[in-house]
Amino acid sequence: MAQSVKPISSPVPEPWYPTLAVLMLAVGLIVAASFFIYEATSSKKNRSLAKELTTGAVASVFLGFGSLFLLLACGIYV
């Protein structure tokens, strides 16, 4: 009567963790750098709240997932 239980596995293959970490962190840092450059070079009159929120959100997502894959690649399973 007991059904066989499948072990939980990652949807992403483990050998891809370091590559994904480097790529996502690189993209996140580039987007974050463009955000800081935009903030430093534009005047308060020319700033766009939508652009700031979009750029910040994209950078945050890439840096967050990049950090997650970096921890997974190091063997720290969160």
PDB file of N, CA and C in Angstrom:
ATOM      1  N   MET A   1       0.800  -1.183   0.000  1.00  0.00           N
ATOM      2  CA  MET A   1       0.000   0.000   0.000  1.00  0.00           C
ATOM      3  C   MET A   1       0.859   1.270   0.000  1.00  0.00           C
ATOM      4  N   ALA A   2       2.079   1.165   0.490  1.00  0.00           N
ATOM      5  CA  ALA A   2       2.946   2.340   0.503  1.00  0.00           C
ATOM      6  C   ALA A   2       3.458   2.602  -0.911  1.00  0.00           C
ATOM      7  N   GLN A   3       3.317   3.851  -1.330  1.00  0.00           N
ATOM      8  CA  GLN A   3       3.789   4.226  -2.662  1.00  0.00           C
ATOM      9  C   GLN A   3       5.268   4.585  -2.596  1.00  0.00           C
ATOM     10  N   SER A   4       5.942   4.366  -3.707  1.00  0.00           N
ATOM     11  CA  SER A   4       7.364   4.716  -3.732  1.00  0.00           C
ATOM     12  C   SER A   4       7.499   6.244  -3.730  1.00  0.00           C
ATOM     13  N   VAL A   5       8.436   6.701  -2.948  1.00  0.00           N
ATOM     14  CA  VAL A   5       8.638   8.137  -2.792  1.00  0.00           C
ATOM     15  C   VAL A   5       9.827   8.559  -3.649  1.00  0.00           C
ATOM     16  N   LYS A   6       9.639   9.602  -4.438  1.00  0.00           N
ATOM     17  CA  LYS A   6      10.716  10.128  -5.271  1.00  0.00           C
ATOM     18  C   LYS A   6      11.539  11.115  -4.459  1.00  0.00           C
ATOM     19  N   PRO A   7      12.847  11.050  -4.534  1.00  0.00           N
ATOM     20  CA  PRO A   7      13.661  12.037  -3.816  1.00  0.00           C
ATOM     21  C   PRO A   7      13.538  13.422  -4.469  1.00  0.00           C
ATOM     22  N   ILE A   8      13.674  14.426  -3.655  1.00  0.00           N
ATOM     23  CA  ILE A   8      13.608  15.789  -4.166  1.00  0.00           C
ATOM     24  C   ILE A   8      14.914  16.096  -4.891  1.00  0.00           C
ATOM     25  N   SER A   9      14.788  16.618  -6.091  1.00  0.00           N
ATOM     26  CA  SER A   9      15.993  16.960  -6.858  1.00  0.00           C
ATOM     27  C   SER A   9      15.848  18.371  -7.414  1.00  0.00           C
ATOM     28  N   SER A  10      16.968  18.962  -7.725  1.00  0.00           N
ATOM     29  CA  SER A  10      17.003  20.327  -8.244  1.00  0.00           C
ATOM     30  C   SER A  10      16.539  20.349  -9.699  1.00  0.00           C
ATOM     31  N   PRO A  11      15.783  21.379 -10.094  1.00  0.00           N
ATOM     32  CA  PRO A  11      15.402  21.495 -11.505  1.00  0.00           C
ATOM     33  C   PRO A  11      16.577  21.929 -12.383  1.00  0.00           C
ATOM     34  N   VAL A  12      17.653  22.409 -11.749  1.00  0.00           N
ATOM     35  CA  VAL A  12      18.851  22.827 -12.472  1.00  0.00           C
ATOM     36  C   VAL A  12      19.957  21.820 -12.159  1.00  0.00           C
ATOM     37  N   PRO A  13      20.631  21.288 -13.174  1.00  0.00           N
ATOM     38  CA  PRO A  13      21.722  20.342 -12.906  1.00  0.00           C
ATOM     39  C   PRO A  13      22.838  20.987 -12.061  1.00  0.00           C
ATOM     40  N   GLU A  14      23.383  20.215 -11.130  1.00  0.00           N
ATOM     41  CA  GLU A  14      24.401  20.740 -10.223  1.00  0.00           C
ATOM     42  C   GLU A  14      25.662  21.250 -10.923  1.00  0.00           C
ATOM     43  N   PRO A  15      26.126  20.662 -12.020  1.00  0.00           N
ATOM     44  CA  PRO A  15      27.325  21.217 -12.684  1.00  0.00           C
ATOM     45  C   PRO A  15      27.114  22.631 -13.249  1.00  0.00           C
ATOM     46  N   TRP A  16      25.877  23.056 -13.404  1.00  0.00           N
ATOM     47  CA  TRP A  16      25.590  24.385 -13.940  1.00  0.00           C
ATOM     48  C   TRP A  16      25.677  25.474 -12.869  1.00  0.00           C
ATOM     49  N   TYR A  17      25.737  25.116 -11.592  1.00  0.00           N
ATOM     50  CA  TYR A  17      25.707  26.113 -10.520  1.00  0.00           C
ATOM     51  C   TYR A  17      26.815  27.164 -10.642  1.00  0.00           C
ATOM     52  N   PRO A  18      28.083  26.787 -10.824  1.00  0.00           N
ATOM     53  CA  PRO A  18      29.124  27.827 -10.914  1.00  0.00           C
ATOM     54  C   PRO A  18      28.945  28.752 -12.115  1.00  0.00           C
ATOM     55  N   THR A  19      28.569  28.188 -13.247  1.00  0.00           N
ATOM     56  CA  THR A  19      28.364  29.000 -14.449  1.00  0.00           C
ATOM     57  C   THR A  19      27.215  29.974 -14.261  1.00  0.00           C
ATOM     58  N   LEU A  20      26.110  29.477 -13.722  1.00  0.00           N
ATOM     59  CA  LEU A  20      24.972  30.355 -13.473  1.00  0.00           C
ATOM     60  C   LEU A  20      25.313  31.439 -12.462  1.00  0.00           C
ATOM     61  N   ALA A  21      26.093  31.095 -11.450  1.00  0.00           N
ATOM     62  CA  ALA A  21      26.484  32.080 -10.444  1.00  0.00           C
ATOM     63  C   ALA A  21      27.293  33.200 -11.079  1.00  0.00           C
ATOM     64  N   VAL A  22      28.292  32.846 -11.880  1.00  0.00           N
ATOM     65  CA  VAL A  22      29.145  33.861 -12.496  1.00  0.00           C
ATOM     66  C   VAL A  22      28.347  34.729 -13.461  1.00  0.00           C
ATOM     67  N   LEU A  23      27.530  34.100 -14.299  1.00  0.00           N
ATOM     68  CA  LEU A  23      26.763  34.865 -15.286  1.00  0.00           C
ATOM     69  C   LEU A  23      25.751  35.792 -14.618  1.00  0.00           C
ATOM     70  N   MET A  24      25.013  35.281 -13.653  1.00  0.00           N
ATOM     71  CA  MET A  24      23.984  36.103 -13.013  1.00  0.00           C
ATOM     72  C   MET A  24      24.597  37.218 -12.170  1.00  0.00           C
ATOM     73  N   LEU A  25      25.685  36.946 -11.491  1.00  0.00           N
ATOM     74  CA  LEU A  25      26.343  38.000 -10.726  1.00  0.00           C
ATOM     75  C   LEU A  25      26.933  39.055 -11.658  1.00  0.00           C
ATOM     76  N   ALA A  26      27.486  38.644 -12.784  1.00  0.00           N
ATOM     77  CA  ALA A  26      28.044  39.603 -13.738  1.00  0.00           C
ATOM     78  C   ALA A  26      26.945  40.503 -14.307  1.00  0.00           C
ATOM     79  N   VAL A  27      25.836  39.908 -14.711  1.00  0.00           N
ATOM     80  CA  VAL A  27      24.729  40.704 -15.243  1.00  0.00           C
ATOM     81  C   VAL A  27      24.176  41.635 -14.164  1.00  0.00           C
ATOM     82  N   GLY A  28      24.015  41.128 -12.954  1.00  0.00           N
ATOM     83  CA  GLY A  28      23.511  41.949 -11.859  1.00  0.00           C
ATOM     84  C   GLY A  28      24.423  43.117 -11.550  1.00  0.00           C
ATOM     85  N   LEU A  29      25.740  42.885 -11.554  1.00  0.00           N
ATOM     86  CA  LEU A  29      26.679  43.977 -11.292  1.00  0.00           C
ATOM     87  C   LEU A  29      26.677  45.008 -12.412  1.00  0.00           C
ATOM     88  N   ILE A  30      26.530  44.565 -13.645  1.00  0.00           N
ATOM     89  CA  ILE A  30      26.469  45.495 -14.774  1.00  0.00           C
ATOM     90  C   ILE A  30      25.210  46.361 -14.685  1.00  0.00           C
ATOM     91  N   VAL A  31      24.084  45.744 -14.375  1.00  0.00           N
ATOM     92  CA  VAL A  31      22.837  46.502 -14.258  1.00  0.00           C
ATOM     93  C   VAL A  31      22.895  47.446 -13.057  1.00  0.00           C
ATOM     94  N   ALA A  32      23.469  46.993 -11.955  1.00  0.00           N
ATOM     95  CA  ALA A  32      23.616  47.861 -10.783  1.00  0.00           C
ATOM     96  C   ALA A  32      24.544  49.033 -11.090  1.00  0.00           C
ATOM     97  N   ALA A  33      25.620  48.785 -11.834  1.00  0.00           N
ATOM     98  CA  ALA A  33      26.534  49.862 -12.218  1.00  0.00           C
ATOM     99  C   ALA A  33      25.826  50.876 -13.120  1.00  0.00           C
ATOM    100  N   SER A  34      25.010  50.381 -14.043  1.00  0.00           N
ATOM    101  CA  SER A  34      24.275  51.313 -14.908  1.00  0.00           C
ATOM    102  C   SER A  34      23.276  52.133 -14.096  1.00  0.00           C
ATOM    103  N   PHE A  35      22.708  51.535 -13.053  1.00  0.00           N
ATOM    104  CA  PHE A  35      21.796  52.268 -12.166  1.00  0.00           C
ATOM    105  C   PHE A  35      22.542  53.397 -11.452  1.00  0.00           C
ATOM    106  N   PHE A  36      23.716  53.083 -10.909  1.00  0.00           N
ATOM    107  CA  PHE A  36      24.486  54.107 -10.205  1.00  0.00           C
ATOM    108  C   PHE A  36      24.960  55.200 -11.155  1.00  0.00           C
ATOM    109  N   ILE A  37      25.352  54.841 -12.358  1.00  0.00           N
ATOM    110  CA  ILE A  37      25.768  55.842 -13.343  1.00  0.00           C
ATOM    111  C   ILE A  37      24.588  56.733 -13.715  1.00  0.00           C
ATOM    112  N   TYR A  38      23.413  56.144 -13.882  1.00  0.00           N
ATOM    113  CA  TYR A  38      22.206  56.912 -14.194  1.00  0.00           C
ATOM    114  C   TYR A  38      21.887  57.892 -13.071  1.00  0.00           C
ATOM    115  N   GLU A  39      22.003  57.435 -11.838  1.00  0.00           N
ATOM    116  CA  GLU A  39      21.703  58.304 -10.700  1.00  0.00           C
ATOM    117  C   GLU A  39      22.719  59.435 -10.582  1.00  0.00           C
ATOM    118  N   ALA A  40      23.969  59.160 -10.883  1.00  0.00           N
ATOM    119  CA  ALA A  40      25.013  60.164 -10.717  1.00  0.00           C
ATOM    120  C   ALA A  40      25.024  61.194 -11.842  1.00  0.00           C
ATOM    121  N   THR A  41      24.613  60.801 -13.026  1.00  0.00           N
ATOM    122  CA  THR A  41      24.743  61.698 -14.172  1.00  0.00           C
ATOM    123  C   THR A  41      23.462  62.446 -14.521  1.00  0.00           C
ATOM    124  N   SER A  42      22.308  61.992 -14.086  1.00  0.00           N
ATOM    125  CA  SER A  42      21.071  62.681 -14.448  1.00  0.00           C
ATOM    126  C   SER A  42      20.676  63.666 -13.348  1.00  0.00           C
ATOM    127  N   SER A  43      20.052  64.746 -13.779  1.00  0.00           N
ATOM    128  CA  SER A  43      19.591  65.738 -12.801  1.00  0.00           C
ATOM    129  C   SER A  43      18.267  65.279 -12.197  1.00  0.00           C
ATOM    130  N   LYS A  44      17.874  65.909 -11.119  1.00  0.00           N
ATOM    131  CA  LYS A  44      16.637  65.496 -10.445  1.00  0.00           C
ATOM    132  C   LYS A  44      15.415  65.722 -11.322  1.00  0.00           C
ATOM    133  N   LYS A  45      15.488  66.683 -12.223  1.00  0.00           N
ATOM    134  CA  LYS A  45      14.350  66.984 -13.098  1.00  0.00           C
ATOM    135  C   LYS A  45      14.181  65.927 -14.191  1.00  0.00           C
ATOM    136  N   ASN A  46      15.289  65.307 -14.597  1.00  0.00           N
ATOM    137  CA  ASN A  46      15.241  64.369 -15.724  1.00  0.00           C
ATOM    138  C   ASN A  46      15.107  62.910 -15.307  1.00  0.00           C
ATOM    139  N   ARG A  47      15.067  62.620 -14.037  1.00  0.00           N
ATOM    140  CA  ARG A  47      14.992  61.229 -13.590  1.00  0.00           C
ATOM    141  C   ARG A  47      13.594  60.654 -13.797  1.00  0.00           C
ATOM    142  N   SER A  48      13.559  59.362 -14.059  1.00  0.00           N
ATOM    143  CA  SER A  48      12.291  58.654 -14.247  1.00  0.00           C
ATOM    144  C   SER A  48      12.160  57.594 -13.156  1.00  0.00           C
ATOM    145  N   LEU A  49      11.088  57.693 -12.392  1.00  0.00           N
ATOM    146  CA  LEU A  49      10.874  56.733 -11.303  1.00  0.00           C
ATOM    147  C   LEU A  49      10.705  55.319 -11.849  1.00  0.00           C
ATOM    148  N   ALA A  50      10.015  55.174 -12.968  1.00  0.00           N
ATOM    149  CA  ALA A  50       9.803  53.846 -13.551  1.00  0.00           C
ATOM    150  C   ALA A  50      11.132  53.211 -13.960  1.00  0.00           C
ATOM    151  N   LYS A  51      12.024  54.014 -14.553  1.00  0.00           N
ATOM    152  CA  LYS A  51      13.323  53.478 -14.966  1.00  0.00           C
ATOM    153  C   LYS A  51      14.151  53.087 -13.748  1.00  0.00           C
ATOM    154  N   GLU A  52      14.111  53.903 -12.697  1.00  0.00           N
ATOM    155  CA  GLU A  52      14.860  53.592 -11.485  1.00  0.00           C
ATOM    156  C   GLU A  52      14.354  52.305 -10.844  1.00  0.00           C
ATOM    157  N   LEU A  53      13.033  52.161 -10.737  1.00  0.00           N
ATOM    158  CA  LEU A  53      12.465  50.960 -10.117  1.00  0.00           C
ATOM    159  C   LEU A  53      12.734  49.716 -10.954  1.00  0.00           C
ATOM    160  N   THR A  54      12.610  49.842 -12.264  1.00  0.00           N
ATOM    161  CA  THR A  54      12.858  48.697 -13.143  1.00  0.00           C
ATOM    162  C   THR A  54      14.315  48.257 -13.085  1.00  0.00           C
ATOM    163  N   THR A  55      15.218  49.219 -13.179  1.00  0.00           N
ATOM    164  CA  THR A  55      16.643  48.890 -13.145  1.00  0.00           C
ATOM    165  C   THR A  55      17.029  48.297 -11.796  1.00  0.00           C
ATOM    166  N   GLY A  56      16.524  48.871 -10.723  1.00  0.00           N
ATOM    167  CA  GLY A  56      16.812  48.348  -9.388  1.00  0.00           C
ATOM    168  C   GLY A  56      16.262  46.947  -9.182  1.00  0.00           C
ATOM    169  N   ALA A  57      15.053  46.701  -9.678  1.00  0.00           N
ATOM    170  CA  ALA A  57      14.447  45.379  -9.531  1.00  0.00           C
ATOM    171  C   ALA A  57      15.205  44.321 -10.329  1.00  0.00           C
ATOM    172  N   VAL A  58      15.586  44.658 -11.551  1.00  0.00           N
ATOM    173  CA  VAL A  58      16.332  43.701 -12.387  1.00  0.00           C
ATOM    174  C   VAL A  58      17.682  43.377 -11.751  1.00  0.00           C
ATOM    175  N   ALA A  59      18.381  44.408 -11.277  1.00  0.00           N
ATOM    176  CA  ALA A  59      19.670  44.182 -10.622  1.00  0.00           C
ATOM    177  C   ALA A  59      19.495  43.333  -9.375  1.00  0.00           C
ATOM    178  N   SER A  60      18.456  43.606  -8.612  1.00  0.00           N
ATOM    179  CA  SER A  60      18.209  42.857  -7.382  1.00  0.00           C
ATOM    180  C   SER A  60      17.927  41.382  -7.663  1.00  0.00           C
ATOM    181  N   VAL A  61      17.136  41.117  -8.679  1.00  0.00           N
ATOM    182  CA  VAL A  61      16.806  39.719  -9.015  1.00  0.00           C
ATOM    183  C   VAL A  61      18.057  38.971  -9.466  1.00  0.00           C
ATOM    184  N   PHE A  62      18.836  39.572 -10.352  1.00  0.00           N
ATOM    185  CA  PHE A  62      20.035  38.888 -10.837  1.00  0.00           C
ATOM    186  C   PHE A  62      21.065  38.698  -9.725  1.00  0.00           C
ATOM    187  N   LEU A  63      21.263  39.713  -8.882  1.00  0.00           N
ATOM    188  CA  LEU A  63      22.221  39.563  -7.790  1.00  0.00           C
ATOM    189  C   LEU A  63      21.725  38.552  -6.761  1.00  0.00           C
ATOM    190  N   GLY A  64      20.428  38.507  -6.526  1.00  0.00           N
ATOM    191  CA  GLY A  64      19.877  37.536  -5.577  1.00  0.00           C
ATOM    192  C   GLY A  64      20.038  36.103  -6.047  1.00  0.00           C
ATOM    193  N   PHE A  65      19.658  35.842  -7.299  1.00  0.00           N
ATOM    194  CA  PHE A  65      19.798  34.483  -7.811  1.00  0.00           C
ATOM    195  C   PHE A  65      21.274  34.117  -8.030  1.00  0.00           C
ATOM    196  N   GLY A  66      22.082  35.095  -8.397  1.00  0.00           N
ATOM    197  CA  GLY A  66      23.513  34.838  -8.524  1.00  0.00           C
ATOM    198  C   GLY A  66      24.126  34.450  -7.188  1.00  0.00           C
ATOM    199  N   SER A  67      23.721  35.123  -6.121  1.00  0.00           N
ATOM    200  CA  SER A  67      24.208  34.780  -4.781  1.00  0.00           C
ATOM    201  C   SER A  67      23.732  33.393  -4.361  1.00  0.00           C
ATOM    202  N   LEU A  68      22.482  33.077  -4.699  1.00  0.00           N
ATOM    203  CA  LEU A  68      21.947  31.750  -4.381  1.00  0.00           C
ATOM    204  C   LEU A  68      22.761  30.661  -5.070  1.00  0.00           C
ATOM    205  N   PHE A  69      23.020  30.816  -6.365  1.00  0.00           N
ATOM    206  CA  PHE A  69      23.783  29.799  -7.086  1.00  0.00           C
ATOM    207  C   PHE A  69      25.237  29.760  -6.632  1.00  0.00           C
ATOM    208  N   LEU A  70      25.779  30.905  -6.188  1.00  0.00           N
ATOM    209  CA  LEU A  70      27.130  30.894  -5.650  1.00  0.00           C
ATOM    210  C   LEU A  70      27.192  30.077  -4.354  1.00  0.00           C
ATOM    211  N   LEU A  71      26.209  30.251  -3.486  1.00  0.00           N
ATOM    212  CA  LEU A  71      26.166  29.461  -2.260  1.00  0.00           C
ATOM    213  C   LEU A  71      25.989  27.973  -2.570  1.00  0.00           C
ATOM    214  N   LEU A  72      25.125  27.660  -3.529  1.00  0.00           N
ATOM    215  CA  LEU A  72      24.916  26.267  -3.911  1.00  0.00           C
ATOM    216  C   LEU A  72      26.174  25.657  -4.513  1.00  0.00           C
ATOM    217  N   ALA A  73      26.895  26.453  -5.316  1.00  0.00           N
ATOM    218  CA  ALA A  73      28.135  25.937  -5.927  1.00  0.00           C
ATOM    219  C   ALA A  73      29.196  25.684  -4.886  1.00  0.00           C
ATOM    220  N   CYS A  74      29.177  26.432  -3.790  1.00  0.00           N
ATOM    221  CA  CYS A  74      30.157  26.238  -2.717  1.00  0.00           C
ATOM    222  C   CYS A  74      29.771  25.112  -1.766  1.00  0.00           C
ATOM    223  N   GLY A  75      28.598  24.563  -1.937  1.00  0.00           N
ATOM    224  CA  GLY A  75      28.172  23.465  -1.081  1.00  0.00           C
ATOM    225  C   GLY A  75      27.341  23.901   0.110  1.00  0.00           C
ATOM    226  N   ILE A  76      26.930  25.154   0.137  1.00  0.00           N
ATOM    227  CA  ILE A  76      26.060  25.645   1.212  1.00  0.00           C
ATOM    228  C   ILE A  76      24.632  25.588   0.676  1.00  0.00           C
ATOM    229  N   TYR A  77      23.915  24.558   1.054  1.00  0.00           N
ATOM    230  CA  TYR A  77      22.582  24.330   0.519  1.00  0.00           C
ATOM    231  C   TYR A  77      21.548  25.046   1.374  1.00  0.00           C
ATOM    232  N   VAL A  78      20.955  26.071   0.776  1.00  0.00           N
ATOM    233  CA  VAL A  78      19.973  26.887   1.494  1.00  0.00           C
ATOM    234  C   VAL A  78      18.576  26.591   1.000  1.00  0.00           C
TER     235      VAL A  78
END
